[in-house]
Amino acid sequence: MTRNIEKRLGMIIGITRKRKVKQGYSDFKQTQFIKTNLKYPFEGVSLDCNVCSLATLSRIENGKHQHNYVLIDYFLKKLDIHYRIKESVYQVQKLHLKNITYAFAYTPISKLVDLLKSCEQFYQENQDDVLLTLDYQVFRFINRLFLRKRAD
């Protein structure tokens, strides 16, 4: 798992867990979330015991804890997030974003608009990817700002 993907998965764990807490699910508060239970056992940890410290959970959720694949997988399962890493998809995304960045500085607006449309289509085709879902939200926001600025 690359560092970037690990960091982003950790941030998704934090975002999703906090959403569930706001929805009123007390099992997703930090102190309960790090505990094992019958539905989600953790190898080598007794029932109703912590799988990690609150500080470790916080670092994972903030994308600052490295190489904790077992904990990341455990927390993703607890949040019912099923994920397979598709490195090739991220390479295509990186290429799209690189082309758009270059186009902002060096190409006509019509070419930039075509690149934005192509990137939008890419995100729509890969909307089942949990990491790209957040990126797509950011892309749509920036795209709307760009289109609004262009209309002015």
N, C-alpha and C. Protein backbone atom coordinates (compact mmCIF):
# COMPACT_ATOMS: atom_id res chain seq x y z
N MET A 1 0.86 -1.17 0.00
CA MET A 1 0.00 0.00 0.00
C MET A 1 0.90 1.23 0.00
N THR A 2 0.69 2.11 -0.95
CA THR A 2 1.54 3.29 -0.99
C THR A 2 1.18 4.23 0.15
N ARG A 3 2.11 5.06 0.51
CA ARG A 3 1.93 5.99 1.63
C ARG A 3 0.74 6.91 1.38
N ASN A 4 0.58 7.39 0.16
CA ASN A 4 -0.52 8.29 -0.15
C ASN A 4 -1.88 7.60 0.04
N ILE A 5 -1.99 6.37 -0.43
CA ILE A 5 -3.25 5.63 -0.29
C ILE A 5 -3.52 5.34 1.18
N GLU A 6 -2.49 4.95 1.91
CA GLU A 6 -2.62 4.67 3.34
C GLU A 6 -3.11 5.93 4.08
N LYS A 7 -2.53 7.06 3.74
CA LYS A 7 -2.91 8.33 4.37
C LYS A 7 -4.37 8.67 4.07
N ARG A 8 -4.76 8.51 2.82
CA ARG A 8 -6.12 8.85 2.42
C ARG A 8 -7.14 7.90 3.03
N LEU A 9 -6.81 6.61 3.12
CA LEU A 9 -7.72 5.66 3.76
C LEU A 9 -7.91 6.02 5.23
N GLY A 10 -6.83 6.41 5.89
CA GLY A 10 -6.94 6.84 7.28
C GLY A 10 -7.86 8.04 7.43
N MET A 11 -7.75 8.98 6.51
CA MET A 11 -8.61 10.16 6.57
C MET A 11 -10.07 9.78 6.31
N ILE A 12 -10.31 8.83 5.43
CA ILE A 12 -11.68 8.37 5.18
C ILE A 12 -12.24 7.68 6.41
N ILE A 13 -11.40 6.94 7.12
CA ILE A 13 -11.84 6.32 8.38
C ILE A 13 -12.32 7.42 9.33
N GLY A 14 -11.53 8.48 9.47
CA GLY A 14 -11.90 9.57 10.36
C GLY A 14 -13.18 10.26 9.94
N ILE A 15 -13.30 10.58 8.67
CA ILE A 15 -14.49 11.27 8.16
C ILE A 15 -15.73 10.42 8.36
N THR A 16 -15.65 9.15 7.99
CA THR A 16 -16.81 8.26 8.09
C THR A 16 -17.18 8.02 9.55
N ARG A 17 -16.20 7.80 10.39
CA ARG A 17 -16.48 7.56 11.81
C ARG A 17 -17.16 8.78 12.43
N LYS A 18 -16.65 9.97 12.13
CA LYS A 18 -17.23 11.20 12.69
C LYS A 18 -18.65 11.43 12.18
N ARG A 19 -18.91 11.09 10.93
CA ARG A 19 -20.28 11.20 10.40
C ARG A 19 -21.23 10.31 11.17
N LYS A 20 -20.78 9.09 11.45
CA LYS A 20 -21.63 8.15 12.19
C LYS A 20 -21.88 8.63 13.61
N VAL A 21 -20.89 9.25 14.22
CA VAL A 21 -21.08 9.81 15.57
C VAL A 21 -22.13 10.91 15.52
N LYS A 22 -22.04 11.78 14.51
CA LYS A 22 -23.02 12.87 14.36
C LYS A 22 -24.42 12.34 14.11
N GLN A 23 -24.52 11.16 13.50
CA GLN A 23 -25.82 10.54 13.25
C GLN A 23 -26.36 9.87 14.51
N GLY A 24 -25.58 9.86 15.57
CA GLY A 24 -26.05 9.33 16.85
C GLY A 24 -25.61 7.92 17.19
N TYR A 25 -24.69 7.35 16.43
CA TYR A 25 -24.20 6.01 16.71
C TYR A 25 -23.06 6.08 17.72
N SER A 26 -23.37 5.73 18.97
CA SER A 26 -22.36 5.86 20.03
C SER A 26 -21.23 4.84 19.90
N ASP A 27 -21.45 3.75 19.17
CA ASP A 27 -20.39 2.75 18.96
C ASP A 27 -19.22 3.31 18.18
N PHE A 28 -19.41 4.47 17.54
CA PHE A 28 -18.35 5.03 16.71
C PHE A 28 -17.61 6.18 17.39
N LYS A 29 -17.94 6.45 18.64
CA LYS A 29 -17.13 7.41 19.39
C LYS A 29 -15.75 6.78 19.56
N GLN A 30 -14.73 7.62 19.66
CA GLN A 30 -13.35 7.11 19.68
C GLN A 30 -13.13 6.01 20.70
N THR A 31 -13.61 6.21 21.91
CA THR A 31 -13.35 5.24 22.98
C THR A 31 -14.00 3.89 22.71
N GLN A 32 -15.14 3.88 22.04
CA GLN A 32 -15.81 2.62 21.71
C GLN A 32 -15.28 2.02 20.41
N PHE A 33 -14.91 2.88 19.49
CA PHE A 33 -14.48 2.44 18.16
C PHE A 33 -13.21 1.60 18.21
N ILE A 34 -12.33 1.90 19.15
CA ILE A 34 -11.06 1.16 19.22
C ILE A 34 -11.18 -0.15 20.00
N LYS A 35 -12.38 -0.46 20.51
CA LYS A 35 -12.58 -1.69 21.28
C LYS A 35 -13.04 -2.83 20.38
N THR A 36 -12.60 -4.03 20.70
CA THR A 36 -13.07 -5.22 19.99
C THR A 36 -14.47 -5.56 20.49
N ASN A 37 -15.20 -6.30 19.68
CA ASN A 37 -16.49 -6.82 20.11
C ASN A 37 -16.72 -8.16 19.41
N LEU A 38 -17.87 -8.78 19.66
CA LEU A 38 -18.13 -10.09 19.07
C LEU A 38 -18.16 -10.04 17.55
N LYS A 39 -18.73 -8.98 17.01
CA LYS A 39 -18.84 -8.85 15.55
C LYS A 39 -17.49 -8.54 14.90
N TYR A 40 -16.65 -7.80 15.62
CA TYR A 40 -15.35 -7.40 15.08
C TYR A 40 -14.22 -7.75 16.04
N PRO A 41 -13.84 -9.03 16.07
CA PRO A 41 -12.70 -9.42 16.92
C PRO A 41 -11.39 -8.98 16.27
N PHE A 42 -10.36 -8.91 17.07
CA PHE A 42 -9.04 -8.53 16.57
C PHE A 42 -8.05 -9.56 17.11
N GLU A 43 -7.30 -10.17 16.22
CA GLU A 43 -6.39 -11.24 16.62
C GLU A 43 -5.40 -10.77 17.68
N GLY A 44 -5.35 -11.53 18.78
CA GLY A 44 -4.40 -11.23 19.85
C GLY A 44 -4.92 -10.23 20.87
N VAL A 45 -6.16 -9.75 20.69
CA VAL A 45 -6.73 -8.77 21.63
C VAL A 45 -8.02 -9.36 22.20
N SER A 46 -8.15 -9.33 23.51
CA SER A 46 -9.33 -9.87 24.18
C SER A 46 -10.57 -9.06 23.84
N LEU A 47 -11.72 -9.69 24.02
CA LEU A 47 -13.01 -9.04 23.77
C LEU A 47 -13.17 -7.81 24.65
N ASP A 48 -13.67 -6.74 24.09
CA ASP A 48 -13.93 -5.47 24.76
C ASP A 48 -12.65 -4.77 25.25
N CYS A 49 -11.55 -5.04 24.59
CA CYS A 49 -10.29 -4.36 24.89
C CYS A 49 -9.88 -3.50 23.69
N ASN A 50 -9.04 -2.52 23.95
CA ASN A 50 -8.60 -1.61 22.90
C ASN A 50 -7.62 -2.29 21.95
N VAL A 51 -7.78 -2.03 20.65
CA VAL A 51 -6.84 -2.55 19.65
C VAL A 51 -5.67 -1.60 19.47
N CYS A 52 -5.86 -0.35 19.89
CA CYS A 52 -4.79 0.66 19.82
C CYS A 52 -5.14 1.79 20.78
N SER A 53 -4.26 2.73 20.92
CA SER A 53 -4.53 3.88 21.78
C SER A 53 -5.36 4.92 21.02
N LEU A 54 -5.95 5.85 21.77
CA LEU A 54 -6.68 6.95 21.14
C LEU A 54 -5.74 7.80 20.28
N ALA A 55 -4.51 7.94 20.74
CA ALA A 55 -3.52 8.72 19.97
C ALA A 55 -3.23 8.06 18.63
N THR A 56 -3.13 6.74 18.61
CA THR A 56 -2.89 6.03 17.36
C THR A 56 -4.07 6.19 16.41
N LEU A 57 -5.29 6.06 16.92
CA LEU A 57 -6.48 6.27 16.09
C LEU A 57 -6.47 7.68 15.51
N SER A 58 -6.15 8.65 16.34
CA SER A 58 -6.11 10.03 15.87
C SER A 58 -5.07 10.22 14.77
N ARG A 59 -3.90 9.63 14.95
CA ARG A 59 -2.86 9.74 13.91
C ARG A 59 -3.29 9.06 12.61
N ILE A 60 -3.94 7.91 12.73
CA ILE A 60 -4.43 7.22 11.52
C ILE A 60 -5.45 8.11 10.81
N GLU A 61 -6.41 8.65 11.57
CA GLU A 61 -7.46 9.48 10.97
C GLU A 61 -6.93 10.78 10.38
N ASN A 62 -5.81 11.23 10.86
CA ASN A 62 -5.21 12.46 10.32
C ASN A 62 -4.14 12.16 9.27
N GLY A 63 -4.01 10.90 8.91
CA GLY A 63 -3.06 10.51 7.87
C GLY A 63 -1.61 10.61 8.28
N LYS A 64 -1.34 10.53 9.58
CA LYS A 64 0.03 10.71 10.07
C LYS A 64 0.68 9.44 10.60
N HIS A 65 -0.06 8.35 10.63
CA HIS A 65 0.49 7.10 11.17
C HIS A 65 0.84 6.18 10.02
N GLN A 66 2.05 5.70 9.98
CA GLN A 66 2.50 4.90 8.84
C GLN A 66 2.53 3.41 9.15
N HIS A 67 2.29 2.65 8.12
CA HIS A 67 2.46 1.20 8.12
C HIS A 67 1.60 0.49 9.16
N ASN A 68 0.38 0.93 9.32
CA ASN A 68 -0.54 0.26 10.22
C ASN A 68 -1.65 -0.39 9.42
N TYR A 69 -1.27 -1.24 8.46
CA TYR A 69 -2.23 -1.83 7.54
C TYR A 69 -3.28 -2.66 8.27
N VAL A 70 -2.88 -3.39 9.29
CA VAL A 70 -3.81 -4.25 10.02
C VAL A 70 -4.88 -3.40 10.70
N LEU A 71 -4.47 -2.32 11.34
CA LEU A 71 -5.45 -1.44 11.98
C LEU A 71 -6.33 -0.75 10.95
N ILE A 72 -5.75 -0.30 9.86
CA ILE A 72 -6.55 0.36 8.82
C ILE A 72 -7.59 -0.62 8.28
N ASP A 73 -7.19 -1.85 7.99
CA ASP A 73 -8.15 -2.86 7.51
C ASP A 73 -9.24 -3.12 8.54
N TYR A 74 -8.85 -3.21 9.80
CA TYR A 74 -9.81 -3.46 10.87
C TYR A 74 -10.84 -2.33 10.95
N PHE A 75 -10.37 -1.10 10.94
CA PHE A 75 -11.29 0.04 11.05
C PHE A 75 -12.16 0.18 9.81
N LEU A 76 -11.62 -0.11 8.64
CA LEU A 76 -12.44 -0.08 7.41
C LEU A 76 -13.56 -1.11 7.50
N LYS A 77 -13.25 -2.30 7.98
CA LYS A 77 -14.28 -3.34 8.13
C LYS A 77 -15.33 -2.90 9.14
N LYS A 78 -14.90 -2.30 10.22
CA LYS A 78 -15.83 -1.85 11.25
C LYS A 78 -16.78 -0.78 10.70
N LEU A 79 -16.32 -0.01 9.76
CA LEU A 79 -17.14 1.04 9.14
C LEU A 79 -17.88 0.51 7.91
N ASP A 80 -17.73 -0.78 7.62
CA ASP A 80 -18.36 -1.42 6.47
C ASP A 80 -17.91 -0.80 5.15
N ILE A 81 -16.62 -0.47 5.08
CA ILE A 81 -16.03 0.06 3.85
C ILE A 81 -15.19 -1.06 3.25
N HIS A 82 -15.59 -1.48 2.07
CA HIS A 82 -14.86 -2.54 1.37
C HIS A 82 -14.03 -1.88 0.28
N TYR A 83 -12.77 -2.19 0.27
CA TYR A 83 -11.88 -1.46 -0.61
C TYR A 83 -10.78 -2.35 -1.16
N ARG A 84 -10.55 -2.22 -2.45
CA ARG A 84 -9.41 -2.88 -3.10
C ARG A 84 -8.57 -1.80 -3.74
N ILE A 85 -7.28 -1.87 -3.55
CA ILE A 85 -6.38 -0.86 -4.10
C ILE A 85 -6.19 -1.13 -5.59
N LYS A 86 -6.44 -0.09 -6.39
CA LYS A 86 -6.25 -0.18 -7.84
C LYS A 86 -5.24 0.90 -8.22
N GLU A 87 -4.00 0.53 -8.15
CA GLU A 87 -2.91 1.49 -8.39
C GLU A 87 -3.02 2.14 -9.77
N SER A 88 -3.46 1.37 -10.77
CA SER A 88 -3.56 1.92 -12.13
C SER A 88 -4.57 3.06 -12.21
N VAL A 89 -5.63 2.97 -11.43
CA VAL A 89 -6.64 4.04 -11.43
C VAL A 89 -6.02 5.33 -10.91
N TYR A 90 -5.18 5.22 -9.91
CA TYR A 90 -4.56 6.42 -9.34
C TYR A 90 -3.52 7.02 -10.29
N GLN A 91 -2.90 6.17 -11.09
CA GLN A 91 -1.97 6.68 -12.10
C GLN A 91 -2.72 7.49 -13.16
N VAL A 92 -3.90 7.00 -13.56
CA VAL A 92 -4.71 7.72 -14.55
C VAL A 92 -5.20 9.04 -13.95
N GLN A 93 -5.63 9.00 -12.69
CA GLN A 93 -6.06 10.23 -12.03
C GLN A 93 -4.93 11.25 -11.98
N LYS A 94 -3.76 10.78 -11.62
CA LYS A 94 -2.59 11.66 -11.54
C LYS A 94 -2.30 12.30 -12.89
N LEU A 95 -2.42 11.52 -13.96
CA LEU A 95 -2.20 12.04 -15.31
C LEU A 95 -3.23 13.12 -15.66
N HIS A 96 -4.51 12.85 -15.35
CA HIS A 96 -5.56 13.85 -15.59
C HIS A 96 -5.24 15.16 -14.88
N LEU A 97 -4.92 15.05 -13.61
CA LEU A 97 -4.67 16.26 -12.81
C LEU A 97 -3.41 16.99 -13.28
N LYS A 98 -2.41 16.23 -13.70
CA LYS A 98 -1.18 16.85 -14.22
C LYS A 98 -1.48 17.62 -15.51
N ASN A 99 -2.27 17.02 -16.40
CA ASN A 99 -2.64 17.69 -17.65
C ASN A 99 -3.45 18.96 -17.40
N ILE A 100 -4.36 18.91 -16.43
CA ILE A 100 -5.17 20.08 -16.10
C ILE A 100 -4.28 21.18 -15.53
N THR A 101 -3.38 20.81 -14.65
CA THR A 101 -2.46 21.79 -14.06
C THR A 101 -1.64 22.48 -15.14
N TYR A 102 -1.11 21.70 -16.06
CA TYR A 102 -0.32 22.26 -17.17
C TYR A 102 -1.20 23.16 -18.04
N ALA A 103 -2.43 22.72 -18.29
CA ALA A 103 -3.33 23.48 -19.16
C ALA A 103 -3.69 24.84 -18.58
N PHE A 104 -3.79 24.94 -17.27
CA PHE A 104 -4.09 26.23 -16.64
C PHE A 104 -3.07 27.29 -17.05
N ALA A 105 -1.85 26.87 -17.20
CA ALA A 105 -0.78 27.83 -17.48
C ALA A 105 -0.47 28.00 -18.96
N TYR A 106 -0.65 26.94 -19.75
CA TYR A 106 -0.06 26.97 -21.09
C TYR A 106 -0.99 26.70 -22.27
N THR A 107 -2.25 26.41 -22.05
CA THR A 107 -3.10 26.07 -23.19
C THR A 107 -4.33 26.97 -23.24
N PRO A 108 -4.99 27.01 -24.39
CA PRO A 108 -6.21 27.81 -24.50
C PRO A 108 -7.32 27.26 -23.60
N ILE A 109 -8.25 28.13 -23.27
CA ILE A 109 -9.37 27.76 -22.39
C ILE A 109 -10.15 26.57 -22.95
N SER A 110 -10.33 26.52 -24.25
CA SER A 110 -11.11 25.42 -24.85
C SER A 110 -10.46 24.06 -24.55
N LYS A 111 -9.15 24.01 -24.60
CA LYS A 111 -8.43 22.76 -24.29
C LYS A 111 -8.59 22.42 -22.80
N LEU A 112 -8.52 23.42 -21.95
CA LEU A 112 -8.70 23.21 -20.51
C LEU A 112 -10.10 22.67 -20.22
N VAL A 113 -11.10 23.24 -20.86
CA VAL A 113 -12.48 22.77 -20.67
C VAL A 113 -12.61 21.31 -21.10
N ASP A 114 -11.98 20.94 -22.20
CA ASP A 114 -12.00 19.54 -22.65
C ASP A 114 -11.34 18.62 -21.63
N LEU A 115 -10.23 19.06 -21.06
CA LEU A 115 -9.55 18.26 -20.04
C LEU A 115 -10.40 18.12 -18.78
N LEU A 116 -11.08 19.18 -18.39
CA LEU A 116 -11.97 19.12 -17.22
C LEU A 116 -13.11 18.14 -17.47
N LYS A 117 -13.67 18.16 -18.67
CA LYS A 117 -14.75 17.22 -19.01
C LYS A 117 -14.24 15.78 -18.98
N SER A 118 -13.05 15.57 -19.50
CA SER A 118 -12.46 14.24 -19.50
C SER A 118 -12.23 13.74 -18.08
N CYS A 119 -11.75 14.62 -17.23
CA CYS A 119 -11.51 14.26 -15.82
C CYS A 119 -12.84 13.96 -15.12
N GLU A 120 -13.85 14.75 -15.40
CA GLU A 120 -15.19 14.53 -14.83
C GLU A 120 -15.70 13.14 -15.22
N GLN A 121 -15.53 12.77 -16.47
CA GLN A 121 -15.95 11.46 -16.95
C GLN A 121 -15.17 10.35 -16.24
N PHE A 122 -13.89 10.55 -16.05
CA PHE A 122 -13.06 9.58 -15.33
C PHE A 122 -13.61 9.35 -13.91
N TYR A 123 -13.92 10.44 -13.21
CA TYR A 123 -14.45 10.30 -11.85
C TYR A 123 -15.80 9.58 -11.86
N GLN A 124 -16.64 9.88 -12.82
CA GLN A 124 -17.94 9.22 -12.89
C GLN A 124 -17.80 7.72 -13.16
N GLU A 125 -16.84 7.36 -14.00
CA GLU A 125 -16.61 5.94 -14.30
C GLU A 125 -16.05 5.18 -13.09
N ASN A 126 -15.39 5.88 -12.19
CA ASN A 126 -14.75 5.24 -11.04
C ASN A 126 -15.40 5.65 -9.72
N GLN A 127 -16.69 5.94 -9.75
CA GLN A 127 -17.34 6.43 -8.55
C GLN A 127 -17.49 5.37 -7.45
N ASP A 128 -17.21 4.11 -7.76
CA ASP A 128 -17.27 3.07 -6.73
C ASP A 128 -16.01 3.04 -5.87
N ASP A 129 -15.00 3.79 -6.25
CA ASP A 129 -13.75 3.84 -5.49
C ASP A 129 -13.88 4.85 -4.36
N VAL A 130 -13.77 4.37 -3.14
CA VAL A 130 -14.00 5.21 -1.96
C VAL A 130 -13.04 6.40 -1.89
N LEU A 131 -11.82 6.23 -2.32
CA LEU A 131 -10.86 7.33 -2.28
C LEU A 131 -11.18 8.38 -3.34
N LEU A 132 -11.59 7.94 -4.50
CA LEU A 132 -11.90 8.89 -5.57
C LEU A 132 -13.19 9.65 -5.31
N THR A 133 -14.07 9.10 -4.48
CA THR A 133 -15.32 9.79 -4.17
C THR A 133 -15.04 11.14 -3.53
N LEU A 134 -14.13 11.18 -2.58
CA LEU A 134 -13.78 12.45 -1.94
C LEU A 134 -13.07 13.38 -2.92
N ASP A 135 -12.17 12.83 -3.71
CA ASP A 135 -11.48 13.64 -4.71
C ASP A 135 -12.47 14.24 -5.71
N TYR A 136 -13.48 13.45 -6.07
CA TYR A 136 -14.48 13.92 -7.02
C TYR A 136 -15.28 15.09 -6.44
N GLN A 137 -15.59 15.02 -5.16
CA GLN A 137 -16.30 16.14 -4.52
C GLN A 137 -15.46 17.41 -4.60
N VAL A 138 -14.18 17.30 -4.33
CA VAL A 138 -13.28 18.46 -4.41
C VAL A 138 -13.19 18.94 -5.85
N PHE A 139 -13.05 18.02 -6.79
CA PHE A 139 -12.96 18.38 -8.21
C PHE A 139 -14.21 19.14 -8.65
N ARG A 140 -15.39 18.65 -8.27
CA ARG A 140 -16.64 19.32 -8.67
C ARG A 140 -16.70 20.73 -8.10
N PHE A 141 -16.27 20.89 -6.86
CA PHE A 141 -16.27 22.22 -6.23
C PHE A 141 -15.35 23.17 -6.99
N ILE A 142 -14.15 22.73 -7.28
CA ILE A 142 -13.18 23.56 -8.00
C ILE A 142 -13.66 23.84 -9.42
N ASN A 143 -14.23 22.84 -10.05
CA ASN A 143 -14.74 23.01 -11.41
C ASN A 143 -15.86 24.06 -11.43
N ARG A 144 -16.75 24.00 -10.45
CA ARG A 144 -17.83 25.01 -10.38
C ARG A 144 -17.26 26.40 -10.18
N LEU A 145 -16.25 26.52 -9.32
CA LEU A 145 -15.61 27.83 -9.12
C LEU A 145 -14.98 28.33 -10.42
N PHE A 146 -14.31 27.43 -11.12
CA PHE A 146 -13.67 27.80 -12.39
C PHE A 146 -14.72 28.26 -13.40
N LEU A 147 -15.81 27.50 -13.52
CA LEU A 147 -16.85 27.86 -14.48
C LEU A 147 -17.53 29.17 -14.10
N ARG A 148 -17.72 29.38 -12.80
CA ARG A 148 -18.33 30.63 -12.34
C ARG A 148 -17.41 31.81 -12.65
N LYS A 149 -16.12 31.64 -12.39
CA LYS A 149 -15.14 32.69 -12.66
C LYS A 149 -15.07 32.99 -14.15
N ARG A 150 -15.15 31.93 -14.94
CA ARG A 150 -15.09 32.08 -16.40
C ARG A 150 -16.31 32.84 -16.92
N ALA A 151 -17.46 32.64 -16.27
CA ALA A 151 -18.70 33.32 -16.70
C ALA A 151 -18.66 34.81 -16.37
N ASP A 152 -17.88 35.19 -15.37
CA ASP A 152 -17.80 36.61 -14.96
C ASP A 152 -17.08 37.46 -15.91
